[in-house]
Amino acid sequence: MNYDDVVKSRRSIRGYLDKPVPKELIREILEIAMRAPTSMNSQPWNFYVVAGEVLDRIRKGNVERNVAGVPDSREFRMGPPYAGVHRDRQVEIAVQLFQAMGIERGDKEKRMDWVLRGFRQFDAPVCIIVTYDRVLDGSDDTPFDCGAVTTALVNAAWSRGLGAVINSQGIMQSPVVREHAGIAEDQVIMKSIALGWPDETFPANAVVSTRKSVDEAAVFRGF
């Protein structure tokens, strides 16, 4: 696919085939992603790629702590809850997903199962945990750079037939993730990416989020 086709066709994938992803393919995707622009060539990012029994242990720990009501321990700040138009967009995509999956507003069991899918990394065969060097903690450039490399990663994956969804649920119970993924203390856990071969029969995978227009987002001067 050419670049425009990749960007315009990519969707967040929340349902995956039970099919392994070759390690060499992931290495190829990471190599491409790490050509992303970075502030003063700092390259603050690192990746912990987990699968198999290691990922299963993270899933189990995440779910157990969440069901038990253990407060989240996310290491990268969340900020205040969304409000106004940002909250409206959050609700809009949730409604789209619930409608696709046939989850009624009052169905607490199905709603909880959907939440737990996130803590299970959407049952994907691979999870990529994005971290950054702790010595850079507090720099606004660092998360900006990590966002750039993450975008490049999911696009590179899509161009090779792999789906992904960037999420926070999978790393909110950071002690579980840090222990089983063996994350070094000099790293801050920022995000996780579920990765695998898309299950085209999974209804939520067909959902395409709406985006505001260029006229809404851009201001042109001097043209």
C-alpha atoms as a PDB file:
ATOM      1  CA  MET A   1       0.000   0.000   0.000  1.00  0.00           C
ATOM      2  CA  ASN A   2       1.135   3.554  -0.570  1.00  0.00           C
ATOM      3  CA  TYR A   3       1.315   5.965   2.352  1.00  0.00           C
ATOM      4  CA  ASP A   4      -2.075   7.589   1.798  1.00  0.00           C
ATOM      5  CA  ASP A   5      -3.820   4.219   1.613  1.00  0.00           C
ATOM      6  CA  VAL A   6      -2.206   3.079   4.864  1.00  0.00           C
ATOM      7  CA  VAL A   7      -3.204   6.195   6.792  1.00  0.00           C
ATOM      8  CA  LYS A   8      -6.733   6.443   5.398  1.00  0.00           C
ATOM      9  CA  SER A   9      -7.601   2.757   5.738  1.00  0.00           C
ATOM     10  CA  ARG A  10      -6.059   2.034   9.147  1.00  0.00           C
ATOM     11  CA  ARG A  11      -8.510   1.217  11.936  1.00  0.00           C
ATOM     12  CA  SER A  12      -8.098   0.363  15.597  1.00  0.00           C
ATOM     13  CA  ILE A  13      -8.331  -3.425  15.861  1.00  0.00           C
ATOM     14  CA  ARG A  14      -9.868  -4.917  19.000  1.00  0.00           C
ATOM     15  CA  GLY A  15     -10.369  -8.526  17.899  1.00  0.00           C
ATOM     16  CA  TYR A  16      -7.558 -10.815  16.730  1.00  0.00           C
ATOM     17  CA  LEU A  17      -6.991 -14.213  15.193  1.00  0.00           C
ATOM     18  CA  ASP A  18      -5.326 -16.844  17.360  1.00  0.00           C
ATOM     19  CA  LYS A  19      -2.285 -16.764  15.132  1.00  0.00           C
ATOM     20  CA  PRO A  20       1.294 -15.926  16.158  1.00  0.00           C
ATOM     21  CA  VAL A  21       3.170 -12.963  14.723  1.00  0.00           C
ATOM     22  CA  PRO A  22       6.735 -13.766  13.628  1.00  0.00           C
ATOM     23  CA  LYS A  23       9.402 -12.064  15.719  1.00  0.00           C
ATOM     24  CA  GLU A  24      11.285 -10.960  12.602  1.00  0.00           C
ATOM     25  CA  LEU A  25       8.185  -9.183  11.295  1.00  0.00           C
ATOM     26  CA  ILE A  26       7.883  -7.236  14.551  1.00  0.00           C
ATOM     27  CA  ARG A  27      11.578  -6.321  14.357  1.00  0.00           C
ATOM     28  CA  GLU A  28      11.002  -5.030  10.820  1.00  0.00           C
ATOM     29  CA  ILE A  29       8.061  -2.908  11.971  1.00  0.00           C
ATOM     30  CA  LEU A  30      10.049  -1.464  14.871  1.00  0.00           C
ATOM     31  CA  GLU A  31      12.971  -0.624  12.597  1.00  0.00           C
ATOM     32  CA  ILE A  32      10.679   1.382  10.331  1.00  0.00           C
ATOM     33  CA  ALA A  33       8.846   3.040  13.236  1.00  0.00           C
ATOM     34  CA  MET A  34      12.080   4.251  14.789  1.00  0.00           C
ATOM     35  CA  ARG A  35      12.677   6.483  11.777  1.00  0.00           C
ATOM     36  CA  ALA A  36      10.013   8.743  13.300  1.00  0.00           C
ATOM     37  CA  PRO A  37      11.076  12.335  13.982  1.00  0.00           C
ATOM     38  CA  THR A  38      12.459  12.995  17.446  1.00  0.00           C
ATOM     39  CA  SER A  39      13.458  16.130  19.341  1.00  0.00           C
ATOM     40  CA  MET A  40      17.180  16.819  18.834  1.00  0.00           C
ATOM     41  CA  ASN A  41      17.660  13.119  18.001  1.00  0.00           C
ATOM     42  CA  SER A  42      17.024  12.167  21.638  1.00  0.00           C
ATOM     43  CA  GLN A  43      15.238   8.893  20.690  1.00  0.00           C
ATOM     44  CA  PRO A  44      13.765   8.478  24.193  1.00  0.00           C
ATOM     45  CA  TRP A  45      11.721   5.371  23.423  1.00  0.00           C
ATOM     46  CA  ASN A  46      12.173   1.702  24.206  1.00  0.00           C
ATOM     47  CA  PHE A  47       9.902  -1.274  23.540  1.00  0.00           C
ATOM     48  CA  TYR A  48       9.152  -4.390  25.554  1.00  0.00           C
ATOM     49  CA  VAL A  49       7.554  -6.897  23.187  1.00  0.00           C
ATOM     50  CA  VAL A  50       5.685  -9.648  25.032  1.00  0.00           C
ATOM     51  CA  ALA A  51       3.778 -12.709  23.894  1.00  0.00           C
ATOM     52  CA  GLY A  52       2.949 -16.257  24.977  1.00  0.00           C
ATOM     53  CA  GLU A  53       3.086 -17.152  28.662  1.00  0.00           C
ATOM     54  CA  VAL A  54       4.571 -13.788  29.628  1.00  0.00           C
ATOM     55  CA  LEU A  55       1.622 -11.934  28.120  1.00  0.00           C
ATOM     56  CA  ASP A  56      -0.820 -14.410  29.683  1.00  0.00           C
ATOM     57  CA  ARG A  57       0.601 -13.653  33.132  1.00  0.00           C
ATOM     58  CA  ILE A  58       0.196  -9.925  32.533  1.00  0.00           C
ATOM     59  CA  ARG A  59      -3.400 -10.433  31.385  1.00  0.00           C
ATOM     60  CA  LYS A  60      -4.192 -12.532  34.454  1.00  0.00           C
ATOM     61  CA  GLY A  61      -2.653 -10.056  36.882  1.00  0.00           C
ATOM     62  CA  ASN A  62      -4.324  -7.076  35.239  1.00  0.00           C
ATOM     63  CA  VAL A  63      -7.775  -8.668  35.382  1.00  0.00           C
ATOM     64  CA  GLU A  64      -7.415  -9.966  38.936  1.00  0.00           C
ATOM     65  CA  ARG A  65      -6.344  -6.579  40.295  1.00  0.00           C
ATOM     66  CA  ASN A  66      -9.024  -4.736  38.358  1.00  0.00           C
ATOM     67  CA  VAL A  67     -11.830  -7.061  39.503  1.00  0.00           C
ATOM     68  CA  ALA A  68     -10.550  -6.781  43.071  1.00  0.00           C
ATOM     69  CA  GLY A  69     -10.848  -2.998  42.873  1.00  0.00           C
ATOM     70  CA  VAL A  70      -7.137  -2.252  43.118  1.00  0.00           C
ATOM     71  CA  PRO A  71      -6.646   1.402  42.092  1.00  0.00           C
ATOM     72  CA  ASP A  72      -4.736   1.894  38.886  1.00  0.00           C
ATOM     73  CA  SER A  73      -1.045   2.729  39.111  1.00  0.00           C
ATOM     74  CA  ARG A  74      -0.430   4.182  35.695  1.00  0.00           C
ATOM     75  CA  GLU A  75       3.025   5.739  35.551  1.00  0.00           C
ATOM     76  CA  PHE A  76       2.414   8.290  32.800  1.00  0.00           C
ATOM     77  CA  ARG A  77       0.051  11.045  33.923  1.00  0.00           C
ATOM     78  CA  MET A  78      -3.522  10.967  32.653  1.00  0.00           C
ATOM     79  CA  GLY A  79      -4.603  14.518  33.336  1.00  0.00           C
ATOM     80  CA  PRO A  80      -8.191  15.543  34.149  1.00  0.00           C
ATOM     81  CA  PRO A  81     -11.182  13.688  32.671  1.00  0.00           C
ATOM     82  CA  TYR A  82     -12.323  14.856  29.241  1.00  0.00           C
ATOM     83  CA  ALA A  83     -15.104  17.442  29.115  1.00  0.00           C
ATOM     84  CA  GLY A  84     -16.972  19.363  26.431  1.00  0.00           C
ATOM     85  CA  VAL A  85     -16.293  18.399  22.823  1.00  0.00           C
ATOM     86  CA  HIS A  86     -13.504  16.013  23.841  1.00  0.00           C
ATOM     87  CA  ARG A  87     -15.890  14.095  26.070  1.00  0.00           C
ATOM     88  CA  ASP A  88     -18.459  14.118  23.263  1.00  0.00           C
ATOM     89  CA  ARG A  89     -15.946  12.419  20.934  1.00  0.00           C
ATOM     90  CA  GLN A  90     -15.079   9.871  23.607  1.00  0.00           C
ATOM     91  CA  VAL A  91     -18.743   8.999  24.064  1.00  0.00           C
ATOM     92  CA  GLU A  92     -19.345   8.893  20.295  1.00  0.00           C
ATOM     93  CA  ILE A  93     -16.744   6.194  19.670  1.00  0.00           C
ATOM     94  CA  ALA A  94     -17.931   4.212  22.708  1.00  0.00           C
ATOM     95  CA  VAL A  95     -21.493   4.258  21.361  1.00  0.00           C
ATOM     96  CA  GLN A  96     -20.275   3.097  17.943  1.00  0.00           C
ATOM     97  CA  LEU A  97     -18.343   0.206  19.500  1.00  0.00           C
ATOM     98  CA  PHE A  98     -21.166  -0.871  21.806  1.00  0.00           C
ATOM     99  CA  GLN A  99     -23.663  -0.799  18.956  1.00  0.00           C
ATOM    100  CA  ALA A 100     -21.369  -2.888  16.781  1.00  0.00           C
ATOM    101  CA  MET A 101     -20.934  -5.422  19.569  1.00  0.00           C
ATOM    102  CA  GLY A 102     -24.622  -5.461  20.509  1.00  0.00           C
ATOM    103  CA  ILE A 103     -23.947  -4.212  24.052  1.00  0.00           C
ATOM    104  CA  GLU A 104     -27.033  -2.570  25.505  1.00  0.00           C
ATOM    105  CA  ARG A 105     -26.688   0.408  27.834  1.00  0.00           C
ATOM    106  CA  GLY A 106     -28.036  -1.509  30.818  1.00  0.00           C
ATOM    107  CA  ASP A 107     -26.103  -4.738  30.211  1.00  0.00           C
ATOM    108  CA  LYS A 108     -23.548  -4.459  33.002  1.00  0.00           C
ATOM    109  CA  GLU A 109     -22.100  -7.919  32.387  1.00  0.00           C
ATOM    110  CA  LYS A 110     -21.249  -7.265  28.737  1.00  0.00           C
ATOM    111  CA  ARG A 111     -20.008  -3.769  29.502  1.00  0.00           C
ATOM    112  CA  MET A 112     -17.661  -5.134  32.149  1.00  0.00           C
ATOM    113  CA  ASP A 113     -16.443  -7.846  29.801  1.00  0.00           C
ATOM    114  CA  TRP A 114     -15.645  -5.148  27.246  1.00  0.00           C
ATOM    115  CA  VAL A 115     -13.646  -3.217  29.848  1.00  0.00           C
ATOM    116  CA  LEU A 116     -11.744  -6.344  30.832  1.00  0.00           C
ATOM    117  CA  ARG A 117     -10.850  -6.973  27.183  1.00  0.00           C
ATOM    118  CA  GLY A 118      -8.724  -3.869  27.416  1.00  0.00           C
ATOM    119  CA  PHE A 119      -6.957  -5.170  30.518  1.00  0.00           C
ATOM    120  CA  ARG A 120      -6.382  -8.422  28.608  1.00  0.00           C
ATOM    121  CA  GLN A 121      -4.802  -6.492  25.736  1.00  0.00           C
ATOM    122  CA  PHE A 122      -7.856  -7.387  23.639  1.00  0.00           C
ATOM    123  CA  ASP A 123      -6.640 -11.013  23.606  1.00  0.00           C
ATOM    124  CA  ALA A 124      -4.055 -10.064  20.985  1.00  0.00           C
ATOM    125  CA  PRO A 125      -1.099 -12.440  20.477  1.00  0.00           C
ATOM    126  CA  VAL A 126       1.417  -9.635  21.028  1.00  0.00           C
ATOM    127  CA  CYS A 127       1.669  -6.611  23.295  1.00  0.00           C
ATOM    128  CA  ILE A 128       4.257  -3.888  22.735  1.00  0.00           C
ATOM    129  CA  ILE A 129       4.863  -1.791  25.830  1.00  0.00           C
ATOM    130  CA  VAL A 130       6.237   1.648  25.031  1.00  0.00           C
ATOM    131  CA  THR A 131       8.547   3.132  27.668  1.00  0.00           C
ATOM    132  CA  TYR A 132      10.833   6.133  27.826  1.00  0.00           C
ATOM    133  CA  ASP A 133      14.063   6.856  29.659  1.00  0.00           C
ATOM    134  CA  ARG A 134      13.324   8.006  33.214  1.00  0.00           C
ATOM    135  CA  VAL A 135      16.047  10.669  33.115  1.00  0.00           C
ATOM    136  CA  LEU A 136      13.804  12.524  30.645  1.00  0.00           C
ATOM    137  CA  ASP A 137      10.690  12.379  32.841  1.00  0.00           C
ATOM    138  CA  GLY A 138       8.953  15.752  32.908  1.00  0.00           C
ATOM    139  CA  SER A 139      10.021  16.784  29.416  1.00  0.00           C
ATOM    140  CA  ASP A 140       7.102  17.581  27.127  1.00  0.00           C
ATOM    141  CA  ASP A 141       9.217  16.650  24.105  1.00  0.00           C
ATOM    142  CA  THR A 142       9.587  13.063  25.339  1.00  0.00           C
ATOM    143  CA  PRO A 143       5.899  12.000  25.204  1.00  0.00           C
ATOM    144  CA  PHE A 144       5.566  13.923  21.943  1.00  0.00           C
ATOM    145  CA  ASP A 145       8.360  11.807  20.460  1.00  0.00           C
ATOM    146  CA  CYS A 146       6.892   8.590  21.869  1.00  0.00           C
ATOM    147  CA  GLY A 147       3.562   9.458  20.271  1.00  0.00           C
ATOM    148  CA  ALA A 148       5.293   9.914  16.933  1.00  0.00           C
ATOM    149  CA  VAL A 149       7.040   6.550  17.079  1.00  0.00           C
ATOM    150  CA  THR A 150       3.823   4.831  18.184  1.00  0.00           C
ATOM    151  CA  THR A 151       1.901   6.286  15.248  1.00  0.00           C
ATOM    152  CA  ALA A 152       4.654   5.172  12.897  1.00  0.00           C
ATOM    153  CA  LEU A 153       4.549   1.699  14.452  1.00  0.00           C
ATOM    154  CA  VAL A 154       0.819   1.103  13.995  1.00  0.00           C
ATOM    155  CA  ASN A 155       0.968   2.400  10.426  1.00  0.00           C
ATOM    156  CA  ALA A 156       3.929   0.176   9.569  1.00  0.00           C
ATOM    157  CA  ALA A 157       2.063  -2.783  11.072  1.00  0.00           C
ATOM    158  CA  TRP A 158      -1.078  -1.991   9.057  1.00  0.00           C
ATOM    159  CA  SER A 159       0.914  -1.806   5.830  1.00  0.00           C
ATOM    160  CA  ARG A 160       1.953  -5.428   6.471  1.00  0.00           C
ATOM    161  CA  GLY A 161      -1.510  -6.755   7.235  1.00  0.00           C
ATOM    162  CA  LEU A 162      -1.280  -6.476  11.016  1.00  0.00           C
ATOM    163  CA  GLY A 163      -3.804  -4.670  13.176  1.00  0.00           C
ATOM    164  CA  ALA A 164      -3.171  -2.758  16.371  1.00  0.00           C
ATOM    165  CA  VAL A 165      -4.869  -0.657  19.003  1.00  0.00           C
ATOM    166  CA  ILE A 166      -3.049   1.815  21.221  1.00  0.00           C
ATOM    167  CA  ASN A 167      -4.385   1.596  24.763  1.00  0.00           C
ATOM    168  CA  SER A 168      -3.797   2.440  28.402  1.00  0.00           C
ATOM    169  CA  GLN A 169      -5.810  -0.289  30.112  1.00  0.00           C
ATOM    170  CA  GLY A 170      -3.064  -2.833  29.524  1.00  0.00           C
ATOM    171  CA  ILE A 171      -0.511  -0.839  31.518  1.00  0.00           C
ATOM    172  CA  MET A 172      -2.651   0.709  34.253  1.00  0.00           C
ATOM    173  CA  GLN A 173      -1.626  -2.012  36.708  1.00  0.00           C
ATOM    174  CA  SER A 174       2.018  -1.116  36.249  1.00  0.00           C
ATOM    175  CA  PRO A 175       3.493  -3.419  38.961  1.00  0.00           C
ATOM    176  CA  VAL A 176       2.101  -6.436  37.082  1.00  0.00           C
ATOM    177  CA  VAL A 177       3.447  -5.230  33.756  1.00  0.00           C
ATOM    178  CA  ARG A 178       6.822  -4.230  35.163  1.00  0.00           C
ATOM    179  CA  GLU A 179       7.316  -7.565  36.922  1.00  0.00           C
ATOM    180  CA  HIS A 180       6.380  -9.952  34.132  1.00  0.00           C
ATOM    181  CA  ALA A 181       7.796  -7.940  31.229  1.00  0.00           C
ATOM    182  CA  GLY A 182      11.020  -7.347  33.170  1.00  0.00           C
ATOM    183  CA  ILE A 183      10.923  -3.595  32.632  1.00  0.00           C
ATOM    184  CA  ALA A 184      14.043  -1.846  33.879  1.00  0.00           C
ATOM    185  CA  GLU A 185      13.741   0.707  36.678  1.00  0.00           C
ATOM    186  CA  ASP A 186      15.296   3.378  34.486  1.00  0.00           C
ATOM    187  CA  GLN A 187      12.198   3.243  32.259  1.00  0.00           C
ATOM    188  CA  VAL A 188       8.786   4.904  32.639  1.00  0.00           C
ATOM    189  CA  ILE A 189       5.863   2.871  31.267  1.00  0.00           C
ATOM    190  CA  MET A 190       3.872   5.068  28.902  1.00  0.00           C
ATOM    191  CA  LYS A 191       1.520   3.092  26.644  1.00  0.00           C
ATOM    192  CA  SER A 192       0.778  -0.357  25.329  1.00  0.00           C
ATOM    193  CA  ILE A 193      -0.107  -1.536  21.850  1.00  0.00           C
ATOM    194  CA  ALA A 194      -2.095  -4.701  21.192  1.00  0.00           C
ATOM    195  CA  LEU A 195      -0.869  -6.249  17.943  1.00  0.00           C
ATOM    196  CA  GLY A 196      -1.875  -9.165  15.758  1.00  0.00           C
ATOM    197  CA  TRP A 197      -3.700 -10.407  12.689  1.00  0.00           C
ATOM    198  CA  PRO A 198      -7.186  -8.810  12.503  1.00  0.00           C
ATOM    199  CA  ASP A 199     -10.227 -11.038  12.923  1.00  0.00           C
ATOM    200  CA  GLU A 200     -12.443  -9.711  10.148  1.00  0.00           C
ATOM    201  CA  THR A 201     -15.513 -11.356  11.740  1.00  0.00           C
ATOM    202  CA  PHE A 202     -15.154  -9.323  14.950  1.00  0.00           C
ATOM    203  CA  PRO A 203     -17.822  -6.579  14.693  1.00  0.00           C
ATOM    204  CA  ALA A 204     -15.893  -3.796  16.449  1.00  0.00           C
ATOM    205  CA  ASN A 205     -13.093  -4.067  13.911  1.00  0.00           C
ATOM    206  CA  ALA A 206     -15.347  -2.506  11.276  1.00  0.00           C
ATOM    207  CA  VAL A 207     -15.862   0.663  13.323  1.00  0.00           C
ATOM    208  CA  VAL A 208     -14.275   3.756  11.799  1.00  0.00           C
ATOM    209  CA  SER A 209     -14.055   6.815  14.012  1.00  0.00           C
ATOM    210  CA  THR A 210     -15.165  10.166  12.655  1.00  0.00           C
ATOM    211  CA  ARG A 211     -12.585  12.959  12.450  1.00  0.00           C
ATOM    212  CA  LYS A 212     -13.050  16.685  12.495  1.00  0.00           C
ATOM    213  CA  SER A 213     -12.414  18.466   9.224  1.00  0.00           C
ATOM    214  CA  VAL A 214      -9.336  20.415   8.196  1.00  0.00           C
ATOM    215  CA  ASP A 215     -11.470  23.581   8.355  1.00  0.00           C
ATOM    216  CA  GLU A 216     -12.212  22.854  12.015  1.00  0.00           C
ATOM    217  CA  ALA A 217      -8.626  22.026  12.898  1.00  0.00           C
ATOM    218  CA  ALA A 218      -6.462  24.383  10.849  1.00  0.00           C
ATOM    219  CA  VAL A 219      -6.007  28.144  10.698  1.00  0.00           C
ATOM    220  CA  PHE A 220      -4.260  29.462   7.591  1.00  0.00           C
ATOM    221  CA  ARG A 221      -2.552  32.870   7.526  1.00  0.00           C
ATOM    222  CA  GLY A 222      -0.802  34.640   4.698  1.00  0.00           C
ATOM    223  CA  PHE A 223      -2.213  32.525   1.864  1.00  0.00           C
END
